[in-house]
Amino acid sequence: MGVPKGKTSRMKKGNRRSHHHAVTMAYSKCSNCGELKLNHRVCPSCGYYNKKQVVAKEEI
């Protein structure tokens, strides 16, 4: 079995984990209703995506 030859330094660990950080979500305004929505996703308030209605909203 492979066994580490020495202790892994804090710098080595830090360099390996340099990409393990939290990333904020990217929001944009819906072109139809102006609400904030996630990029490349259907607008949850009006159901539009790429200026086309994809999901029909149920009337209450």
PDB file of N, CA and C in Angstrom:
ATOM      1  N   MET A   1       0.838  -1.190   0.000  1.00  0.00           N
ATOM      2  CA  MET A   1       0.000   0.000   0.000  1.00  0.00           C
ATOM      3  C   MET A   1       0.878   1.247   0.000  1.00  0.00           C
ATOM      4  N   GLY A   2       0.381   2.279  -0.669  1.00  0.00           N
ATOM      5  CA  GLY A   2       1.120   3.536  -0.677  1.00  0.00           C
ATOM      6  C   GLY A   2       0.945   4.276   0.641  1.00  0.00           C
ATOM      7  N   VAL A   3       2.053   4.698   1.195  1.00  0.00           N
ATOM      8  CA  VAL A   3       2.032   5.416   2.466  1.00  0.00           C
ATOM      9  C   VAL A   3       2.736   6.757   2.252  1.00  0.00           C
ATOM     10  N   PRO A   4       2.185   7.872   2.777  1.00  0.00           N
ATOM     11  CA  PRO A   4       2.843   9.155   2.611  1.00  0.00           C
ATOM     12  C   PRO A   4       4.219   9.163   3.281  1.00  0.00           C
ATOM     13  N   LYS A   5       5.198   9.747   2.601  1.00  0.00           N
ATOM     14  CA  LYS A   5       6.569   9.772   3.117  1.00  0.00           C
ATOM     15  C   LYS A   5       6.718  10.808   4.231  1.00  0.00           C
ATOM     16  N   GLY A   6       5.967  11.917   4.137  1.00  0.00           N
ATOM     17  CA  GLY A   6       6.067  12.949   5.171  1.00  0.00           C
ATOM     18  C   GLY A   6       4.746  13.662   5.363  1.00  0.00           C
ATOM     19  N   LYS A   7       4.735  14.592   6.329  1.00  0.00           N
ATOM     20  CA  LYS A   7       3.532  15.341   6.633  1.00  0.00           C
ATOM     21  C   LYS A   7       3.228  16.324   5.496  1.00  0.00           C
ATOM     22  N   THR A   8       1.945  16.460   5.141  1.00  0.00           N
ATOM     23  CA  THR A   8       1.535  17.428   4.128  1.00  0.00           C
ATOM     24  C   THR A   8       1.456  18.802   4.784  1.00  0.00           C
ATOM     25  N   SER A   9       2.205  19.754   4.250  1.00  0.00           N
ATOM     26  CA  SER A   9       2.265  21.089   4.850  1.00  0.00           C
ATOM     27  C   SER A   9       0.959  21.849   4.639  1.00  0.00           C
ATOM     28  N   ARG A  10       0.776  22.924   5.401  1.00  0.00           N
ATOM     29  CA  ARG A  10      -0.430  23.751   5.274  1.00  0.00           C
ATOM     30  C   ARG A  10      -0.498  24.391   3.890  1.00  0.00           C
ATOM     31  N   MET A  11       0.655  24.777   3.347  1.00  0.00           N
ATOM     32  CA  MET A  11       0.674  25.384   2.027  1.00  0.00           C
ATOM     33  C   MET A  11       0.239  24.377   0.962  1.00  0.00           C
ATOM     34  N   LYS A  12       0.734  23.149   1.055  1.00  0.00           N
ATOM     35  CA  LYS A  12       0.362  22.106   0.093  1.00  0.00           C
ATOM     36  C   LYS A  12      -1.147  21.863   0.131  1.00  0.00           C
ATOM     37  N   LYS A  13      -1.702  21.745   1.355  1.00  0.00           N
ATOM     38  CA  LYS A  13      -3.138  21.527   1.500  1.00  0.00           C
ATOM     39  C   LYS A  13      -3.925  22.710   0.964  1.00  0.00           C
ATOM     40  N   GLY A  14      -3.449  23.919   1.284  1.00  0.00           N
ATOM     41  CA  GLY A  14      -4.132  25.129   0.834  1.00  0.00           C
ATOM     42  C   GLY A  14      -4.129  25.247  -0.676  1.00  0.00           C
ATOM     43  N   ASN A  15      -3.014  24.925  -1.308  1.00  0.00           N
ATOM     44  CA  ASN A  15      -2.938  24.985  -2.774  1.00  0.00           C
ATOM     45  C   ASN A  15      -3.866  23.966  -3.411  1.00  0.00           C
ATOM     46  N   ARG A  16      -3.980  22.795  -2.823  1.00  0.00           N
ATOM     47  CA  ARG A  16      -4.858  21.762  -3.361  1.00  0.00           C
ATOM     48  C   ARG A  16      -6.321  22.168  -3.223  1.00  0.00           C
ATOM     49  N   ARG A  17      -6.643  22.847  -2.118  1.00  0.00           N
ATOM     50  CA  ARG A  17      -8.034  23.217  -1.837  1.00  0.00           C
ATOM     51  C   ARG A  17      -8.378  24.627  -2.320  1.00  0.00           C
ATOM     52  N   SER A  18      -7.570  25.214  -3.150  1.00  0.00           N
ATOM     53  CA  SER A  18      -7.772  26.614  -3.543  1.00  0.00           C
ATOM     54  C   SER A  18      -9.069  26.825  -4.314  1.00  0.00           C
ATOM     55  N   HIS A  19      -9.619  25.790  -4.921  1.00  0.00           N
ATOM     56  CA  HIS A  19     -10.855  25.932  -5.686  1.00  0.00           C
ATOM     57  C   HIS A  19     -12.081  25.471  -4.903  1.00  0.00           C
ATOM     58  N   HIS A  20     -11.927  25.153  -3.637  1.00  0.00           N
ATOM     59  CA  HIS A  20     -13.040  24.644  -2.826  1.00  0.00           C
ATOM     60  C   HIS A  20     -13.761  25.783  -2.111  1.00  0.00           C
ATOM     61  N   HIS A  21     -14.103  26.835  -2.810  1.00  0.00           N
ATOM     62  CA  HIS A  21     -14.772  27.957  -2.177  1.00  0.00           C
ATOM     63  C   HIS A  21     -16.204  28.066  -2.685  1.00  0.00           C
ATOM     64  N   ALA A  22     -17.027  28.787  -1.926  1.00  0.00           N
ATOM     65  CA  ALA A  22     -18.422  28.985  -2.322  1.00  0.00           C
ATOM     66  C   ALA A  22     -18.496  30.002  -3.454  1.00  0.00           C
ATOM     67  N   VAL A  23     -19.414  29.774  -4.387  1.00  0.00           N
ATOM     68  CA  VAL A  23     -19.587  30.661  -5.534  1.00  0.00           C
ATOM     69  C   VAL A  23     -20.991  31.247  -5.469  1.00  0.00           C
ATOM     70  N   THR A  24     -21.107  32.550  -5.695  1.00  0.00           N
ATOM     71  CA  THR A  24     -22.430  33.170  -5.676  1.00  0.00           C
ATOM     72  C   THR A  24     -23.177  32.838  -6.967  1.00  0.00           C
ATOM     73  N   MET A  25     -24.481  32.748  -6.870  1.00  0.00           N
ATOM     74  CA  MET A  25     -25.307  32.432  -8.021  1.00  0.00           C
ATOM     75  C   MET A  25     -25.453  33.680  -8.896  1.00  0.00           C
ATOM     76  N   ALA A  26     -25.513  33.480 -10.210  1.00  0.00           N
ATOM     77  CA  ALA A  26     -25.651  34.590 -11.150  1.00  0.00           C
ATOM     78  C   ALA A  26     -27.128  34.780 -11.492  1.00  0.00           C
ATOM     79  N   TYR A  27     -27.635  35.977 -11.207  1.00  0.00           N
ATOM     80  CA  TYR A  27     -29.028  36.286 -11.490  1.00  0.00           C
ATOM     81  C   TYR A  27     -29.107  37.284 -12.639  1.00  0.00           C
ATOM     82  N   SER A  28     -30.212  37.242 -13.361  1.00  0.00           N
ATOM     83  CA  SER A  28     -30.469  38.225 -14.408  1.00  0.00           C
ATOM     84  C   SER A  28     -31.957  38.552 -14.398  1.00  0.00           C
ATOM     85  N   LYS A  29     -32.315  39.661 -15.054  1.00  0.00           N
ATOM     86  CA  LYS A  29     -33.716  40.058 -15.120  1.00  0.00           C
ATOM     87  C   LYS A  29     -34.416  39.307 -16.241  1.00  0.00           C
ATOM     88  N   CYS A  30     -35.635  38.908 -15.983  1.00  0.00           N
ATOM     89  CA  CYS A  30     -36.454  38.240 -16.997  1.00  0.00           C
ATOM     90  C   CYS A  30     -36.819  39.276 -18.066  1.00  0.00           C
ATOM     91  N   SER A  31     -36.705  38.888 -19.335  1.00  0.00           N
ATOM     92  CA  SER A  31     -37.001  39.823 -20.426  1.00  0.00           C
ATOM     93  C   SER A  31     -38.502  40.094 -20.555  1.00  0.00           C
ATOM     94  N   ASN A  32     -39.322  39.219 -19.999  1.00  0.00           N
ATOM     95  CA  ASN A  32     -40.770  39.381 -20.109  1.00  0.00           C
ATOM     96  C   ASN A  32     -41.351  40.180 -18.942  1.00  0.00           C
ATOM     97  N   CYS A  33     -41.066  39.750 -17.701  1.00  0.00           N
ATOM     98  CA  CYS A  33     -41.712  40.381 -16.542  1.00  0.00           C
ATOM     99  C   CYS A  33     -40.760  41.228 -15.700  1.00  0.00           C
ATOM    100  N   GLY A  34     -39.442  41.079 -15.879  1.00  0.00           N
ATOM    101  CA  GLY A  34     -38.481  41.896 -15.137  1.00  0.00           C
ATOM    102  C   GLY A  34     -38.080  41.335 -13.784  1.00  0.00           C
ATOM    103  N   GLU A  35     -38.612  40.190 -13.406  1.00  0.00           N
ATOM    104  CA  GLU A  35     -38.238  39.567 -12.131  1.00  0.00           C
ATOM    105  C   GLU A  35     -36.834  38.971 -12.225  1.00  0.00           C
ATOM    106  N   LEU A  36     -36.160  38.849 -11.079  1.00  0.00           N
ATOM    107  CA  LEU A  36     -34.854  38.203 -11.068  1.00  0.00           C
ATOM    108  C   LEU A  36     -35.022  36.701 -11.192  1.00  0.00           C
ATOM    109  N   LYS A  37     -34.161  36.096 -12.015  1.00  0.00           N
ATOM    110  CA  LYS A  37     -34.200  34.651 -12.208  1.00  0.00           C
ATOM    111  C   LYS A  37     -32.779  34.160 -12.404  1.00  0.00           C
ATOM    112  N   LEU A  38     -32.560  32.853 -12.246  1.00  0.00           N
ATOM    113  CA  LEU A  38     -31.257  32.271 -12.505  1.00  0.00           C
ATOM    114  C   LEU A  38     -31.006  32.231 -14.011  1.00  0.00           C
ATOM    115  N   ASN A  39     -29.755  32.413 -14.408  1.00  0.00           N
ATOM    116  CA  ASN A  39     -29.409  32.391 -15.828  1.00  0.00           C
ATOM    117  C   ASN A  39     -29.684  31.023 -16.431  1.00  0.00           C
ATOM    118  N   HIS A  40     -30.109  31.009 -17.689  1.00  0.00           N
ATOM    119  CA  HIS A  40     -30.367  29.788 -18.460  1.00  0.00           C
ATOM    120  C   HIS A  40     -31.427  28.908 -17.816  1.00  0.00           C
ATOM    121  N   ARG A  41     -32.414  29.524 -17.166  1.00  0.00           N
ATOM    122  CA  ARG A  41     -33.498  28.777 -16.550  1.00  0.00           C
ATOM    123  C   ARG A  41     -34.820  29.476 -16.851  1.00  0.00           C
ATOM    124  N   VAL A  42     -35.905  28.731 -16.778  1.00  0.00           N
ATOM    125  CA  VAL A  42     -37.237  29.299 -16.997  1.00  0.00           C
ATOM    126  C   VAL A  42     -37.568  30.228 -15.842  1.00  0.00           C
ATOM    127  N   CYS A  43     -38.180  31.354 -16.149  1.00  0.00           N
ATOM    128  CA  CYS A  43     -38.583  32.310 -15.120  1.00  0.00           C
ATOM    129  C   CYS A  43     -39.677  31.680 -14.261  1.00  0.00           C
ATOM    130  N   PRO A  44     -39.490  31.620 -12.933  1.00  0.00           N
ATOM    131  CA  PRO A  44     -40.509  30.981 -12.085  1.00  0.00           C
ATOM    132  C   PRO A  44     -41.796  31.796 -11.967  1.00  0.00           C
ATOM    133  N   SER A  45     -41.744  33.101 -12.215  1.00  0.00           N
ATOM    134  CA  SER A  45     -42.954  33.902 -12.044  1.00  0.00           C
ATOM    135  C   SER A  45     -43.837  33.933 -13.282  1.00  0.00           C
ATOM    136  N   CYS A  46     -43.247  33.943 -14.491  1.00  0.00           N
ATOM    137  CA  CYS A  46     -44.091  34.043 -15.688  1.00  0.00           C
ATOM    138  C   CYS A  46     -43.981  32.835 -16.620  1.00  0.00           C
ATOM    139  N   GLY A  47     -42.954  31.995 -16.474  1.00  0.00           N
ATOM    140  CA  GLY A  47     -42.844  30.792 -17.291  1.00  0.00           C
ATOM    141  C   GLY A  47     -42.200  31.010 -18.649  1.00  0.00           C
ATOM    142  N   TYR A  48     -41.522  32.154 -18.848  1.00  0.00           N
ATOM    143  CA  TYR A  48     -40.876  32.430 -20.123  1.00  0.00           C
ATOM    144  C   TYR A  48     -39.407  32.024 -20.086  1.00  0.00           C
ATOM    145  N   TYR A  49     -38.878  31.618 -21.238  1.00  0.00           N
ATOM    146  CA  TYR A  49     -37.458  31.349 -21.419  1.00  0.00           C
ATOM    147  C   TYR A  49     -37.086  31.752 -22.835  1.00  0.00           C
ATOM    148  N   ASN A  50     -36.078  32.584 -22.993  1.00  0.00           N
ATOM    149  CA  ASN A  50     -35.589  33.034 -24.299  1.00  0.00           C
ATOM    150  C   ASN A  50     -36.718  33.682 -25.117  1.00  0.00           C
ATOM    151  N   LYS A  51     -37.503  34.543 -24.449  1.00  0.00           N
ATOM    152  CA  LYS A  51     -38.610  35.298 -25.047  1.00  0.00           C
ATOM    153  C   LYS A  51     -39.725  34.417 -25.600  1.00  0.00           C
ATOM    154  N   LYS A  52     -39.829  33.182 -25.108  1.00  0.00           N
ATOM    155  CA  LYS A  52     -40.912  32.278 -25.503  1.00  0.00           C
ATOM    156  C   LYS A  52     -41.548  31.709 -24.247  1.00  0.00           C
ATOM    157  N   GLN A  53     -42.879  31.541 -24.278  1.00  0.00           N
ATOM    158  CA  GLN A  53     -43.548  30.939 -23.135  1.00  0.00           C
ATOM    159  C   GLN A  53     -43.355  29.431 -23.193  1.00  0.00           C
ATOM    160  N   VAL A  54     -42.758  28.896 -22.134  1.00  0.00           N
ATOM    161  CA  VAL A  54     -42.438  27.464 -22.081  1.00  0.00           C
ATOM    162  C   VAL A  54     -43.377  26.753 -21.115  1.00  0.00           C
ATOM    163  N   VAL A  55     -43.658  27.384 -19.990  1.00  0.00           N
ATOM    164  CA  VAL A  55     -44.511  26.786 -18.965  1.00  0.00           C
ATOM    165  C   VAL A  55     -45.745  27.658 -18.823  1.00  0.00           C
ATOM    166  N   ALA A  56     -46.920  27.042 -18.924  1.00  0.00           N
ATOM    167  CA  ALA A  56     -48.163  27.784 -18.756  1.00  0.00           C
ATOM    168  C   ALA A  56     -48.469  27.911 -17.272  1.00  0.00           C
ATOM    169  N   LYS A  57     -48.739  29.139 -16.824  1.00  0.00           N
ATOM    170  CA  LYS A  57     -49.098  29.366 -15.428  1.00  0.00           C
ATOM    171  C   LYS A  57     -50.571  29.015 -15.229  1.00  0.00           C
ATOM    172  N   GLU A  58     -50.858  28.315 -14.128  1.00  0.00           N
ATOM    173  CA  GLU A  58     -52.240  27.960 -13.818  1.00  0.00           C
ATOM    174  C   GLU A  58     -52.949  29.154 -13.203  1.00  0.00           C
ATOM    175  N   GLU A  59     -54.152  29.428 -13.633  1.00  0.00           N
ATOM    176  CA  GLU A  59     -54.931  30.536 -13.092  1.00  0.00           C
ATOM    177  C   GLU A  59     -55.652  30.047 -11.832  1.00  0.00           C
ATOM    178  N   ILE A  60     -55.593  30.872 -10.799  1.00  0.00           N
ATOM    179  CA  ILE A  60     -56.231  30.502  -9.518  1.00  0.00           C
ATOM    180  C   ILE A  60     -57.514  31.261  -9.350  1.00  0.00           C
TER     181      ILE A  60
END
